[in-house]
PDB file of N, CA and C in Angstrom:
ATOM      1  N   UNK A   1    -117.702 106.695-204.418  1.00  0.00           N
ATOM      2  CA  UNK A   1    -118.189 105.847-203.359  1.00  0.00           C
ATOM      3  C   UNK A   1    -117.033 105.238-202.555  1.00  0.00           C
ATOM      4  N   UNK A   2    -115.948 104.857-203.281  1.00  0.00           N
ATOM      5  CA  UNK A   2    -114.792 104.286-202.595  1.00  0.00           C
ATOM      6  C   UNK A   2    -114.165 105.318-201.664  1.00  0.00           C
ATOM      7  N   UNK A   3    -114.117 106.575-202.101  1.00  0.00           N
ATOM      8  CA  UNK A   3    -113.547 107.635-201.272  1.00  0.00           C
ATOM      9  C   UNK A   3    -114.362 107.820-200.006  1.00  0.00           C
ATOM     10  N   UNK A   4    -115.666 107.771-200.119  1.00  0.00           N
ATOM     11  CA  UNK A   4    -116.535 107.920-198.956  1.00  0.00           C
ATOM     12  C   UNK A   4    -116.333 106.759-197.982  1.00  0.00           C
ATOM     13  N   UNK A   5    -116.240 105.550-198.498  1.00  0.00           N
ATOM     14  CA  UNK A   5    -116.053 104.372-197.654  1.00  0.00           C
ATOM     15  C   UNK A   5    -114.683 104.436-196.969  1.00  0.00           C
ATOM     16  N   UNK A   6    -113.656 104.834-197.716  1.00  0.00           N
ATOM     17  CA  UNK A   6    -112.328 104.946-197.129  1.00  0.00           C
ATOM     18  C   UNK A   6    -112.289 106.045-196.065  1.00  0.00           C
ATOM     19  N   UNK A   7    -112.969 107.145-196.311  1.00  0.00           N
ATOM     20  CA  UNK A   7    -113.013 108.233-195.328  1.00  0.00           C
ATOM     21  C   UNK A   7    -113.693 107.785-194.049  1.00  0.00           C
ATOM     22  N   UNK A   8    -114.784 107.052-194.183  1.00  0.00           N
ATOM     23  CA  UNK A   8    -115.502 106.563-192.995  1.00  0.00           C
ATOM     24  C   UNK A   8    -114.636 105.570-192.234  1.00  0.00           C
ATOM     25  N   UNK A   9    -113.950 104.686-192.945  1.00  0.00           N
ATOM     26  CA  UNK A   9    -113.078 103.717-192.284  1.00  0.00           C
ATOM     27  C   UNK A   9    -111.911 104.425-191.587  1.00  0.00           C
ATOM     28  N   UNK A  10    -111.352 105.469-192.228  1.00  0.00           N
ATOM     29  CA  UNK A  10    -110.249 106.216-191.627  1.00  0.00           C
ATOM     30  C   UNK A  10    -110.694 106.911-190.342  1.00  0.00           C
ATOM     31  N   UNK A  11    -111.865 107.547-190.371  1.00  0.00           N
ATOM     32  CA  UNK A  11    -112.394 108.223-189.181  1.00  0.00           C
ATOM     33  C   UNK A  11    -112.667 107.199-188.074  1.00  0.00           C
ATOM     34  N   UNK A  12    -113.209 106.046-188.437  1.00  0.00           N
ATOM     35  CA  UNK A  12    -113.471 105.001-187.443  1.00  0.00           C
ATOM     36  C   UNK A  12    -112.163 104.494-186.842  1.00  0.00           C
ATOM     37  N   UNK A  13    -111.158 104.321-187.690  1.00  0.00           N
ATOM     38  CA  UNK A  13    -109.850 103.877-187.206  1.00  0.00           C
ATOM     39  C   UNK A  13    -109.264 104.881-186.219  1.00  0.00           C
ATOM     40  N   UNK A  14    -109.342 106.170-186.561  1.00  0.00           N
ATOM     41  CA  UNK A  14    -108.846 107.193-185.644  1.00  0.00           C
ATOM     42  C   UNK A  14    -109.609 107.166-184.326  1.00  0.00           C
ATOM     43  N   UNK A  15    -110.905 106.935-184.393  1.00  0.00           N
ATOM     44  CA  UNK A  15    -111.709 106.836-183.170  1.00  0.00           C
ATOM     45  C   UNK A  15    -111.250 105.695-182.281  1.00  0.00           C
ATOM     46  N   UNK A  16    -110.950 104.546-182.887  1.00  0.00           N
ATOM     47  CA  UNK A  16    -110.465 103.403-182.112  1.00  0.00           C
ATOM     48  C   UNK A  16    -109.093 103.683-181.507  1.00  0.00           C
ATOM     49  N   UNK A  17    -108.224 104.329-182.265  1.00  0.00           N
ATOM     50  CA  UNK A  17    -106.883 104.639-181.765  1.00  0.00           C
ATOM     51  C   UNK A  17    -106.958 105.580-180.578  1.00  0.00           C
ATOM     52  N   UNK A  18    -107.735 106.648-180.697  1.00  0.00           N
ATOM     53  CA  UNK A  18    -107.844 107.601-179.592  1.00  0.00           C
ATOM     54  C   UNK A  18    -108.570 107.009-178.401  1.00  0.00           C
ATOM     55  N   UNK A  19    -109.546 106.157-178.642  1.00  0.00           N
ATOM     56  CA  UNK A  19    -110.258 105.514-177.539  1.00  0.00           C
ATOM     57  C   UNK A  19    -109.316 104.584-176.783  1.00  0.00           C
ATOM     58  N   UNK A  20    -108.449 103.882-177.505  1.00  0.00           N
ATOM     59  CA  UNK A  20    -107.499 102.987-176.871  1.00  0.00           C
ATOM     60  C   UNK A  20    -106.474 103.771-176.053  1.00  0.00           C
ATOM     61  N   UNK A  21    -106.034 104.915-176.570  1.00  0.00           N
ATOM     62  CA  UNK A  21    -105.064 105.731-175.846  1.00  0.00           C
ATOM     63  C   UNK A  21    -105.637 106.293-174.563  1.00  0.00           C
ATOM     64  N   UNK A  22    -106.919 106.539-174.514  1.00  0.00           N
ATOM     65  CA  UNK A  22    -107.547 107.049-173.296  1.00  0.00           C
ATOM     66  C   UNK A  22    -107.417 106.045-172.158  1.00  0.00           C
ATOM     67  N   UNK A  23    -107.513 104.769-172.474  1.00  0.00           N
ATOM     68  CA  UNK A  23    -107.455 103.745-171.438  1.00  0.00           C
ATOM     69  C   UNK A  23    -106.048 103.403-170.998  1.00  0.00           C
ATOM     70  N   UNK A  24    -105.051 103.745-171.790  1.00  0.00           N
ATOM     71  CA  UNK A  24    -103.683 103.352-171.458  1.00  0.00           C
ATOM     72  C   UNK A  24    -102.816 104.548-171.133  1.00  0.00           C
ATOM     73  N   UNK A  25    -103.402 105.608-170.647  1.00  0.00           N
ATOM     74  CA  UNK A  25    -102.604 106.782-170.294  1.00  0.00           C
ATOM     75  C   UNK A  25    -101.650 106.439-169.163  1.00  0.00           C
ATOM     76  N   UNK A  26    -100.499 107.080-169.190  1.00  0.00           N
ATOM     77  CA  UNK A  26     -99.491 106.882-168.155  1.00  0.00           C
ATOM     78  C   UNK A  26     -99.987 107.465-166.838  1.00  0.00           C
ATOM     79  N   UNK A  27     -99.695 106.794-165.763  1.00  0.00           N
ATOM     80  CA  UNK A  27    -100.078 107.278-164.443  1.00  0.00           C
ATOM     81  C   UNK A  27     -98.954 108.063-163.791  1.00  0.00           C
ATOM     82  N   UNK A  28     -98.088 108.675-164.608  1.00  0.00           N
ATOM     83  CA  UNK A  28     -96.958 109.433-164.064  1.00  0.00           C
ATOM     84  C   UNK A  28     -97.435 110.587-163.195  1.00  0.00           C
ATOM     85  N   UNK A  29     -98.540 111.216-163.585  1.00  0.00           N
ATOM     86  CA  UNK A  29     -99.026 112.331-162.785  1.00  0.00           C
ATOM     87  C   UNK A  29     -99.617 111.862-161.458  1.00  0.00           C
ATOM     88  N   UNK A  30    -100.011 110.595-161.397  1.00  0.00           N
ATOM     89  CA  UNK A  30    -100.569 110.051-160.168  1.00  0.00           C
ATOM     90  C   UNK A  30     -99.495 109.404-159.298  1.00  0.00           C
ATOM     91  N   UNK A  31     -98.278 109.335-159.788  1.00  0.00           N
ATOM     92  CA  UNK A  31     -97.189 108.729-159.018  1.00  0.00           C
ATOM     93  C   UNK A  31     -96.896 109.589-157.794  1.00  0.00           C
ATOM     94  N   UNK A  32     -96.263 108.967-156.828  1.00  0.00           N
ATOM     95  CA  UNK A  32     -95.931 109.687-155.598  1.00  0.00           C
ATOM     96  C   UNK A  32     -95.020 110.870-155.918  1.00  0.00           C
ATOM     97  N   UNK A  33     -95.308 112.031-155.355  1.00  0.00           N
ATOM     98  CA  UNK A  33     -94.465 113.199-155.629  1.00  0.00           C
ATOM     99  C   UNK A  33     -93.067 113.006-155.041  1.00  0.00           C
ATOM    100  N   UNK A  34     -92.105 113.604-155.707  1.00  0.00           N
ATOM    101  CA  UNK A  34     -90.731 113.538-155.213  1.00  0.00           C
ATOM    102  C   UNK A  34     -90.648 114.347-153.933  1.00  0.00           C
ATOM    103  N   UNK A  35     -90.146 113.732-152.889  1.00  0.00           N
ATOM    104  CA  UNK A  35     -90.044 114.431-151.607  1.00  0.00           C
ATOM    105  C   UNK A  35     -88.969 115.503-151.683  1.00  0.00           C
ATOM    106  N   UNK A  36     -89.319 116.669-151.224  1.00  0.00           N
ATOM    107  CA  UNK A  36     -88.344 117.748-151.119  1.00  0.00           C
ATOM    108  C   UNK A  36     -88.351 118.243-149.685  1.00  0.00           C
ATOM    109  N   UNK A  37     -87.327 118.990-149.358  1.00  0.00           N
ATOM    110  CA  UNK A  37     -87.229 119.518-148.006  1.00  0.00           C
ATOM    111  C   UNK A  37     -86.730 120.943-148.070  1.00  0.00           C
ATOM    112  N   UNK A  38     -86.684 121.574-146.939  1.00  0.00           N
ATOM    113  CA  UNK A  38     -86.164 122.932-146.828  1.00  0.00           C
ATOM    114  C   UNK A  38     -84.901 122.910-145.987  1.00  0.00           C
ATOM    115  N   UNK A  39     -83.827 123.439-146.560  1.00  0.00           N
ATOM    116  CA  UNK A  39     -82.603 123.620-145.781  1.00  0.00           C
ATOM    117  C   UNK A  39     -82.708 124.957-145.078  1.00  0.00           C
ATOM    118  N   UNK A  40     -82.398 124.991-143.808  1.00  0.00           N
ATOM    119  CA  UNK A  40     -82.479 126.243-143.066  1.00  0.00           C
ATOM    120  C   UNK A  40     -81.371 126.277-142.023  1.00  0.00           C
ATOM    121  N   UNK A  41     -81.205 127.442-141.459  1.00  0.00           N
ATOM    122  CA  UNK A  41     -80.200 127.597-140.426  1.00  0.00           C
ATOM    123  C   UNK A  41     -79.945 129.053-140.120  1.00  0.00           C
ATOM    124  N   UNK A  42     -78.902 129.302-139.361  1.00  0.00           N
ATOM    125  CA  UNK A  42     -78.523 130.645-138.947  1.00  0.00           C
ATOM    126  C   UNK A  42     -77.055 130.854-139.280  1.00  0.00           C
ATOM    127  N   UNK A  43     -76.727 132.085-139.699  1.00  0.00           N
ATOM    128  CA  UNK A  43     -75.333 132.424-139.989  1.00  0.00           C
ATOM    129  C   UNK A  43     -74.855 133.380-138.908  1.00  0.00           C
ATOM    130  N   UNK A  44     -73.712 133.032-138.290  1.00  0.00           N
ATOM    131  CA  UNK A  44     -73.168 133.787-137.165  1.00  0.00           C
ATOM    132  C   UNK A  44     -71.739 134.241-137.446  1.00  0.00           C
ATOM    133  N   UNK A  45     -71.345 135.323-136.788  1.00  0.00           N
ATOM    134  CA  UNK A  45     -69.954 135.751-136.792  1.00  0.00           C
ATOM    135  C   UNK A  45     -69.178 134.778-135.912  1.00  0.00           C
ATOM    136  N   UNK A  46     -68.054 134.277-136.409  1.00  0.00           N
ATOM    137  CA  UNK A  46     -67.274 133.267-135.692  1.00  0.00           C
ATOM    138  C   UNK A  46     -66.789 133.769-134.342  1.00  0.00           C
ATOM    139  N   UNK A  47     -66.315 135.009-134.274  1.00  0.00           N
ATOM    140  CA  UNK A  47     -65.730 135.531-133.031  1.00  0.00           C
ATOM    141  C   UNK A  47     -66.769 136.035-132.048  1.00  0.00           C
ATOM    142  N   UNK A  48     -67.712 136.837-132.500  1.00  0.00           N
ATOM    143  CA  UNK A  48     -68.661 137.466-131.573  1.00  0.00           C
ATOM    144  C   UNK A  48     -69.921 136.644-131.350  1.00  0.00           C
ATOM    145  N   UNK A  49     -70.255 135.760-132.291  1.00  0.00           N
ATOM    146  CA  UNK A  49     -71.491 134.981-132.166  1.00  0.00           C
ATOM    147  C   UNK A  49     -72.726 135.745-132.591  1.00  0.00           C
ATOM    148  N   UNK A  50     -72.543 136.975-133.092  1.00  0.00           N
ATOM    149  CA  UNK A  50     -73.686 137.774-133.547  1.00  0.00           C
ATOM    150  C   UNK A  50     -74.203 137.241-134.880  1.00  0.00           C
ATOM    151  N   UNK A  51     -75.500 137.367-135.077  1.00  0.00           N
ATOM    152  CA  UNK A  51     -76.081 136.933-136.349  1.00  0.00           C
ATOM    153  C   UNK A  51     -75.729 137.937-137.442  1.00  0.00           C
ATOM    154  N   UNK A  52     -75.634 137.450-138.674  1.00  0.00           N
ATOM    155  CA  UNK A  52     -75.264 138.291-139.809  1.00  0.00           C
ATOM    156  C   UNK A  52     -76.430 138.394-140.783  1.00  0.00           C
ATOM    157  N   UNK A  53     -76.718 139.615-141.197  1.00  0.00           N
ATOM    158  CA  UNK A  53     -77.822 139.902-142.108  1.00  0.00           C
ATOM    159  C   UNK A  53     -77.306 140.033-143.535  1.00  0.00           C
ATOM    160  N   UNK A  54     -78.026 139.457-144.505  1.00  0.00           N
ATOM    161  CA  UNK A  54     -77.684 139.608-145.912  1.00  0.00           C
ATOM    162  C   UNK A  54     -76.621 138.672-146.428  1.00  0.00           C
ATOM    163  N   UNK A  55     -76.339 137.599-145.721  1.00  0.00           N
ATOM    164  CA  UNK A  55     -75.344 136.627-146.162  1.00  0.00           C
ATOM    165  C   UNK A  55     -75.966 135.756-147.257  1.00  0.00           C
ATOM    166  N   UNK A  56     -75.209 135.540-148.335  1.00  0.00           N
ATOM    167  CA  UNK A  56     -75.680 134.657-149.399  1.00  0.00           C
ATOM    168  C   UNK A  56     -75.298 133.224-149.066  1.00  0.00           C
ATOM    169  N   UNK A  57     -76.309 132.354-149.006  1.00  0.00           N
ATOM    170  CA  UNK A  57     -76.093 130.924-148.763  1.00  0.00           C
ATOM    171  C   UNK A  57     -76.557 130.210-150.033  1.00  0.00           C
ATOM    172  N   UNK A  58     -75.649 129.459-150.659  1.00  0.00           N
ATOM    173  CA  UNK A  58     -75.982 128.819-151.931  1.00  0.00           C
ATOM    174  C   UNK A  58     -75.546 127.361-151.936  1.00  0.00           C
ATOM    175  N   UNK A  59     -76.135 126.621-152.869  1.00  0.00           N
ATOM    176  CA  UNK A  59     -75.758 125.226-153.077  1.00  0.00           C
ATOM    177  C   UNK A  59     -74.851 125.190-154.304  1.00  0.00           C
ATOM    178  N   UNK A  60     -73.646 124.700-154.111  1.00  0.00           N
ATOM    179  CA  UNK A  60     -72.640 124.707-155.172  1.00  0.00           C
ATOM    180  C   UNK A  60     -73.128 123.927-156.399  1.00  0.00           C
ATOM    181  N   UNK A  61     -72.870 124.498-157.565  1.00  0.00           N
ATOM    182  CA  UNK A  61     -73.224 123.842-158.815  1.00  0.00           C
ATOM    183  C   UNK A  61     -74.650 124.086-159.262  1.00  0.00           C
ATOM    184  N   UNK A  62     -75.389 124.913-158.522  1.00  0.00           N
ATOM    185  CA  UNK A  62     -76.771 125.231-158.887  1.00  0.00           C
ATOM    186  C   UNK A  62     -76.968 126.740-158.803  1.00  0.00           C
ATOM    187  N   UNK A  63     -78.144 127.171-159.217  1.00  0.00           N
ATOM    188  CA  UNK A  63     -78.522 128.574-159.064  1.00  0.00           C
ATOM    189  C   UNK A  63     -79.336 128.786-157.786  1.00  0.00           C
ATOM    190  N   UNK A  64     -79.426 127.770-156.965  1.00  0.00           N
ATOM    191  CA  UNK A  64     -80.233 127.840-155.750  1.00  0.00           C
ATOM    192  C   UNK A  64     -79.473 128.608-154.684  1.00  0.00           C
ATOM    193  N   UNK A  65     -80.120 129.662-154.168  1.00  0.00           N
ATOM    194  CA  UNK A  65     -79.495 130.441-153.093  1.00  0.00           C
ATOM    195  C   UNK A  65     -80.559 131.183-152.302  1.00  0.00           C
ATOM    196  N   UNK A  66     -80.152 131.614-151.129  1.00  0.00           N
ATOM    197  CA  UNK A  66     -81.027 132.397-150.257  1.00  0.00           C
ATOM    198  C   UNK A  66     -80.153 133.385-149.499  1.00  0.00           C
ATOM    199  N   UNK A  67     -80.791 134.389-148.935  1.00  0.00           N
ATOM    200  CA  UNK A  67     -80.085 135.401-148.148  1.00  0.00           C
ATOM    201  C   UNK A  67     -80.644 135.405-146.733  1.00  0.00           C
ATOM    202  N   UNK A  68     -79.778 135.662-145.779  1.00  0.00           N
ATOM    203  CA  UNK A  68     -80.229 135.681-144.395  1.00  0.00           C
ATOM    204  C   UNK A  68     -81.077 136.917-144.122  1.00  0.00           C
ATOM    205  N   UNK A  69     -82.028 136.758-143.199  1.00  0.00           N
ATOM    206  CA  UNK A  69     -82.899 137.869-142.813  1.00  0.00           C
ATOM    207  C   UNK A  69     -82.233 138.678-141.697  1.00  0.00           C
ATOM    208  N   UNK A  70     -83.004 139.568-141.059  1.00  0.00           N
ATOM    209  CA  UNK A  70     -82.446 140.432-140.013  1.00  0.00           C
ATOM    210  C   UNK A  70     -81.989 139.668-138.778  1.00  0.00           C
ATOM    211  N   UNK A  71     -82.466 138.440-138.617  1.00  0.00           N
ATOM    212  CA  UNK A  71     -82.049 137.616-137.478  1.00  0.00           C
ATOM    213  C   UNK A  71     -80.977 136.602-137.852  1.00  0.00           C
ATOM    214  N   UNK A  72     -80.448 136.694-139.074  1.00  0.00           N
ATOM    215  CA  UNK A  72     -79.401 135.783-139.520  1.00  0.00           C
ATOM    216  C   UNK A  72     -79.897 134.436-139.997  1.00  0.00           C
ATOM    217  N   UNK A  73     -81.209 134.292-140.165  1.00  0.00           N
ATOM    218  CA  UNK A  73     -81.791 133.020-140.584  1.00  0.00           C
ATOM    219  C   UNK A  73     -81.965 132.970-142.098  1.00  0.00           C
ATOM    220  N   UNK A  74     -81.806 131.797-142.663  1.00  0.00           N
ATOM    221  CA  UNK A  74     -82.052 131.581-144.092  1.00  0.00           C
ATOM    222  C   UNK A  74     -82.873 130.315-144.263  1.00  0.00           C
ATOM    223  N   UNK A  75     -83.492 130.190-145.441  1.00  0.00           N
ATOM    224  CA  UNK A  75     -84.276 129.001-145.752  1.00  0.00           C
ATOM    225  C   UNK A  75     -84.243 128.800-147.259  1.00  0.00           C
ATOM    226  N   UNK A  76     -83.849 127.603-147.675  1.00  0.00           N
ATOM    227  CA  UNK A  76     -83.836 127.228-149.089  1.00  0.00           C
ATOM    228  C   UNK A  76     -84.872 126.127-149.269  1.00  0.00           C
ATOM    229  N   UNK A  77     -85.919 126.414-150.037  1.00  0.00           N
ATOM    230  CA  UNK A  77     -87.023 125.471-150.233  1.00  0.00           C
ATOM    231  C   UNK A  77     -86.786 124.559-151.428  1.00  0.00           C
ATOM    232  N   UNK A  78     -87.556 123.481-151.484  1.00  0.00           N
ATOM    233  CA  UNK A  78     -87.600 122.540-152.611  1.00  0.00           C
ATOM    234  C   UNK A  78     -86.251 121.911-152.940  1.00  0.00           C
ATOM    235  N   UNK A  79     -85.566 121.429-151.914  1.00  0.00           N
ATOM    236  CA  UNK A  79     -84.286 120.743-152.092  1.00  0.00           C
ATOM    237  C   UNK A  79     -84.543 119.245-151.973  1.00  0.00           C
ATOM    238  N   UNK A  80     -84.064 118.490-152.954  1.00  0.00           N
ATOM    239  CA  UNK A  80     -84.202 117.035-152.899  1.00  0.00           C
ATOM    240  C   UNK A  80     -83.172 116.476-151.918  1.00  0.00           C
ATOM    241  N   UNK A  81     -83.515 115.421-151.188  1.00  0.00           N
ATOM    242  CA  UNK A  81     -82.538 114.804-150.294  1.00  0.00           C
ATOM    243  C   UNK A  81     -81.298 114.361-151.080  1.00  0.00           C
ATOM    244  N   UNK A  82     -80.132 114.543-150.481  1.00  0.00           N
ATOM    245  CA  UNK A  82     -78.879 114.159-151.132  1.00  0.00           C
ATOM    246  C   UNK A  82     -77.703 114.871-150.507  1.00  0.00           C
ATOM    247  N   UNK A  83     -76.530 114.701-151.099  1.00  0.00           N
ATOM    248  CA  UNK A  83     -75.307 115.340-150.612  1.00  0.00           C
ATOM    249  C   UNK A  83     -75.058 116.628-151.379  1.00  0.00           C
ATOM    250  N   UNK A  84     -74.763 117.702-150.654  1.00  0.00           N
ATOM    251  CA  UNK A  84     -74.546 119.008-151.270  1.00  0.00           C
ATOM    252  C   UNK A  84     -73.356 119.701-150.631  1.00  0.00           C
ATOM    253  N   UNK A  85     -72.722 120.565-151.425  1.00  0.00           N
ATOM    254  CA  UNK A  85     -71.719 121.489-150.909  1.00  0.00           C
ATOM    255  C   UNK A  85     -72.418 122.832-150.738  1.00  0.00           C
ATOM    256  N   UNK A  86     -72.354 123.374-149.540  1.00  0.00           N
ATOM    257  CA  UNK A  86     -73.039 124.628-149.222  1.00  0.00           C
ATOM    258  C   UNK A  86     -71.998 125.715-149.018  1.00  0.00           C
ATOM    259  N   UNK A  87     -72.238 126.866-149.650  1.00  0.00           N
ATOM    260  CA  UNK A  87     -71.293 127.984-149.572  1.00  0.00           C
ATOM    261  C   UNK A  87     -72.009 129.193-148.989  1.00  0.00           C
ATOM    262  N   UNK A  88     -71.387 129.825-148.010  1.00  0.00           N
ATOM    263  CA  UNK A  88     -71.900 131.076-147.443  1.00  0.00           C
ATOM    264  C   UNK A  88     -70.865 132.159-147.717  1.00  0.00           C
ATOM    265  N   UNK A  89     -71.319 133.277-148.284  1.00  0.00           N
ATOM    266  CA  UNK A  89     -70.379 134.361-148.577  1.00  0.00           C
ATOM    267  C   UNK A  89     -70.990 135.695-148.165  1.00  0.00           C
ATOM    268  N   UNK A  90     -70.081 136.585-147.696  1.00  0.00           N
ATOM    269  CA  UNK A  90     -70.495 137.880-147.172  1.00  0.00           C
ATOM    270  C   UNK A  90     -69.318 138.837-147.298  1.00  0.00           C
ATOM    271  N   UNK A  91     -69.607 140.082-147.549  1.00  0.00           N
ATOM    272  CA  UNK A  91     -68.562 141.093-147.682  1.00  0.00           C
ATOM    273  C   UNK A  91     -67.768 141.186-146.384  1.00  0.00           C
ATOM    274  N   UNK A  92     -66.463 141.259-146.495  1.00  0.00           N
ATOM    275  CA  UNK A  92     -65.513 141.369-145.373  1.00  0.00           C
ATOM    276  C   UNK A  92     -65.371 140.087-144.557  1.00  0.00           C
ATOM    277  N   UNK A  93     -65.885 138.970-145.089  1.00  0.00           N
ATOM    278  CA  UNK A  93     -65.743 137.676-144.420  1.00  0.00           C
ATOM    279  C   UNK A  93     -65.208 136.653-145.412  1.00  0.00           C
ATOM    280  N   UNK A  94     -64.473 135.675-144.900  1.00  0.00           N
ATOM    281  CA  UNK A  94     -64.033 134.561-145.728  1.00  0.00           C
ATOM    282  C   UNK A  94     -65.240 133.678-146.044  1.00  0.00           C
ATOM    283  N   UNK A  95     -65.247 133.098-147.236  1.00  0.00           N
ATOM    284  CA  UNK A  95     -66.329 132.176-147.589  1.00  0.00           C
ATOM    285  C   UNK A  95     -66.279 130.948-146.683  1.00  0.00           C
ATOM    286  N   UNK A  96     -67.438 130.485-146.315  1.00  0.00           N
ATOM    287  CA  UNK A  96     -67.538 129.253-145.550  1.00  0.00           C
ATOM    288  C   UNK A  96     -68.015 128.164-146.502  1.00  0.00           C
ATOM    289  N   UNK A  97     -67.323 127.032-146.503  1.00  0.00           N
ATOM    290  CA  UNK A  97     -67.607 125.945-147.421  1.00  0.00           C
ATOM    291  C   UNK A  97     -67.917 124.693-146.619  1.00  0.00           C
ATOM    292  N   UNK A  98     -69.155 124.228-146.696  1.00  0.00           N
ATOM    293  CA  UNK A  98     -69.544 123.002-145.998  1.00  0.00           C
ATOM    294  C   UNK A  98     -69.617 121.908-147.053  1.00  0.00           C
ATOM    295  N   UNK A  99     -68.716 120.950-146.949  1.00  0.00           N
ATOM    296  CA  UNK A  99     -68.562 119.930-147.976  1.00  0.00           C
ATOM    297  C   UNK A  99     -69.375 118.682-147.646  1.00  0.00           C
ATOM    298  N   UNK A 100     -70.047 118.148-148.660  1.00  0.00           N
ATOM    299  CA  UNK A 100     -70.803 116.889-148.578  1.00  0.00           C
ATOM    300  C   UNK A 100     -71.809 116.862-147.429  1.00  0.00           C
ATOM    301  N   UNK A 101     -72.597 117.919-147.312  1.00  0.00           N
ATOM    302  CA  UNK A 101     -73.663 117.922-146.317  1.00  0.00           C
ATOM    303  C   UNK A 101     -74.760 116.991-146.810  1.00  0.00           C
ATOM    304  N   UNK A 102     -75.127 116.014-145.999  1.00  0.00           N
ATOM    305  CA  UNK A 102     -76.152 115.047-146.382  1.00  0.00           C
ATOM    306  C   UNK A 102     -77.529 115.558-145.935  1.00  0.00           C
ATOM    307  N   UNK A 103     -78.246 116.154-146.876  1.00  0.00           N
ATOM    308  CA  UNK A 103     -79.568 116.708-146.579  1.00  0.00           C
ATOM    309  C   UNK A 103     -80.598 115.594-146.598  1.00  0.00           C
ATOM    310  N   UNK A 104     -81.394 115.548-145.552  1.00  0.00           N
ATOM    311  CA  UNK A 104     -82.457 114.553-145.439  1.00  0.00           C
ATOM    312  C   UNK A 104     -83.575 115.089-144.572  1.00  0.00           C
ATOM    313  N   UNK A 105     -84.627 114.334-144.457  1.00  0.00           N
ATOM    314  CA  UNK A 105     -85.783 114.745-143.662  1.00  0.00           C
ATOM    315  C   UNK A 105     -85.367 115.036-142.220  1.00  0.00           C
ATOM    316  N   UNK A 106     -84.504 114.201-141.663  1.00  0.00           N
ATOM    317  CA  UNK A 106     -84.065 114.388-140.277  1.00  0.00           C
ATOM    318  C   UNK A 106     -82.839 115.287-140.152  1.00  0.00           C
ATOM    319  N   UNK A 107     -82.224 115.628-141.274  1.00  0.00           N
ATOM    320  CA  UNK A 107     -80.992 116.415-141.250  1.00  0.00           C
ATOM    321  C   UNK A 107     -81.119 117.549-142.272  1.00  0.00           C
ATOM    322  N   UNK A 108     -81.798 118.626-141.861  1.00  0.00           N
ATOM    323  CA  UNK A 108     -82.037 119.711-142.812  1.00  0.00           C
ATOM    324  C   UNK A 108     -81.707 121.087-142.238  1.00  0.00           C
ATOM    325  N   UNK A 109     -80.976 121.122-141.162  1.00  0.00           N
ATOM    326  CA  UNK A 109     -80.602 122.407-140.567  1.00  0.00           C
ATOM    327  C   UNK A 109     -79.079 122.548-140.548  1.00  0.00           C
ATOM    328  N   UNK A 110     -78.608 123.687-141.091  1.00  0.00           N
ATOM    329  CA  UNK A 110     -77.173 123.931-141.182  1.00  0.00           C
ATOM    330  C   UNK A 110     -76.884 125.327-140.615  1.00  0.00           C
ATOM    331  N   UNK A 111     -76.249 125.371-139.462  1.00  0.00           N
ATOM    332  CA  UNK A 111     -75.803 126.635-138.903  1.00  0.00           C
ATOM    333  C   UNK A 111     -74.375 126.882-139.377  1.00  0.00           C
ATOM    334  N   UNK A 112     -74.092 128.128-139.754  1.00  0.00           N
ATOM    335  CA  UNK A 112     -72.812 128.458-140.370  1.00  0.00           C
ATOM    336  C   UNK A 112     -72.160 129.603-139.598  1.00  0.00           C
ATOM    337  N   UNK A 113     -70.847 129.492-139.379  1.00  0.00           N
ATOM    338  CA  UNK A 113     -70.085 130.575-138.749  1.00  0.00           C
ATOM    339  C   UNK A 113     -69.094 131.106-139.766  1.00  0.00           C
ATOM    340  N   UNK A 114     -69.061 132.428-139.916  1.00  0.00           N
ATOM    341  CA  UNK A 114     -68.149 133.061-140.845  1.00  0.00           C
ATOM    342  C   UNK A 114     -67.026 133.763-140.104  1.00  0.00           C
ATOM    343  N   UNK A 115     -65.810 133.599-140.606  1.00  0.00           N
ATOM    344  CA  UNK A 115     -64.618 134.219-140.043  1.00  0.00           C
ATOM    345  C   UNK A 115     -64.357 135.544-140.766  1.00  0.00           C
ATOM    346  N   UNK A 116     -64.146 136.599-140.002  1.00  0.00           N
ATOM    347  CA  UNK A 116     -63.842 137.899-140.572  1.00  0.00           C
ATOM    348  C   UNK A 116     -62.499 137.836-141.312  1.00  0.00           C
ATOM    349  N   UNK A 117     -62.446 138.446-142.496  1.00  0.00           N
ATOM    350  CA  UNK A 117     -61.195 138.438-143.260  1.00  0.00           C
ATOM    351  C   UNK A 117     -60.421 139.722-142.949  1.00  0.00           C
ATOM    352  N   UNK A 118     -59.468 139.608-142.023  1.00  0.00           N
ATOM    353  CA  UNK A 118     -58.691 140.789-141.595  1.00  0.00           C
ATOM    354  C   UNK A 118     -57.373 140.810-142.286  1.00  0.00           C
TER     355      UNK A 118
END
């Protein structure tokens, strides 16, 4: 009889604990989403001004990168606002290094010119 009474009390206790947890759930999922932006721009040849296709544009210290399309345009999505070093690299061109670019809602476009490595 004692085992039955203890079992019923244990089940009731668990019910109260879980019922209480339902009311005190964290609202982290309801919090405002972290704002992200898209960095975009065009990569051009420094001398001729022609757009370059297939240039790798990356954010230093991360695995985030994009490649330019046939019109020389690139777009990197889901970037948090902040300061970044941006690197553009292409075969037969010197790497272009943009230091401390401050990415923000109003400042999210970076045009890059690459110098031919002769």
